[in-house]
Amino acid sequence: MTNTSHTPGATSLLLADSLDMTAAAPLKAQLLAARGTPLSLDAASVRRLGGQCLQVLLAARTTWQADGVEWRIAQASEEFADAARLMGCPDLVSDALTPSDFAPL
């Protein structure tokens, strides 16, 4: 976890490229360690998003909202965004930048 966010006191978390079942527990631990601080997630390198990690991310978002602290996915790969949409969570990446945002016109 690195603190590279532009929000003072914010934490930026670079997500692993494969968020499968084996990544759920470490992801949960990383998120819990950042609880109470504004959090910006970078999912630009994610190539696989499984249901368990999606559940962890949704629970984290709900927790941060209940705590009144900023939580967002700042960047998302097309694979991450597509998987979130296919699993019924298009709002998870609605504000995230994806590679298609940078495609030539």
Foldseek 3Di string as FASTA:
>chain_A
DAQPDPDVQEREAEDDQAAEPVNLVVVLVVLVVRPPTAYEYEAQNHQYHDPSNVVSLVVSVVRCVVVVHHYAHAAHEPNRCVVCVVVPRNVRCPNHHYPVVVDDD
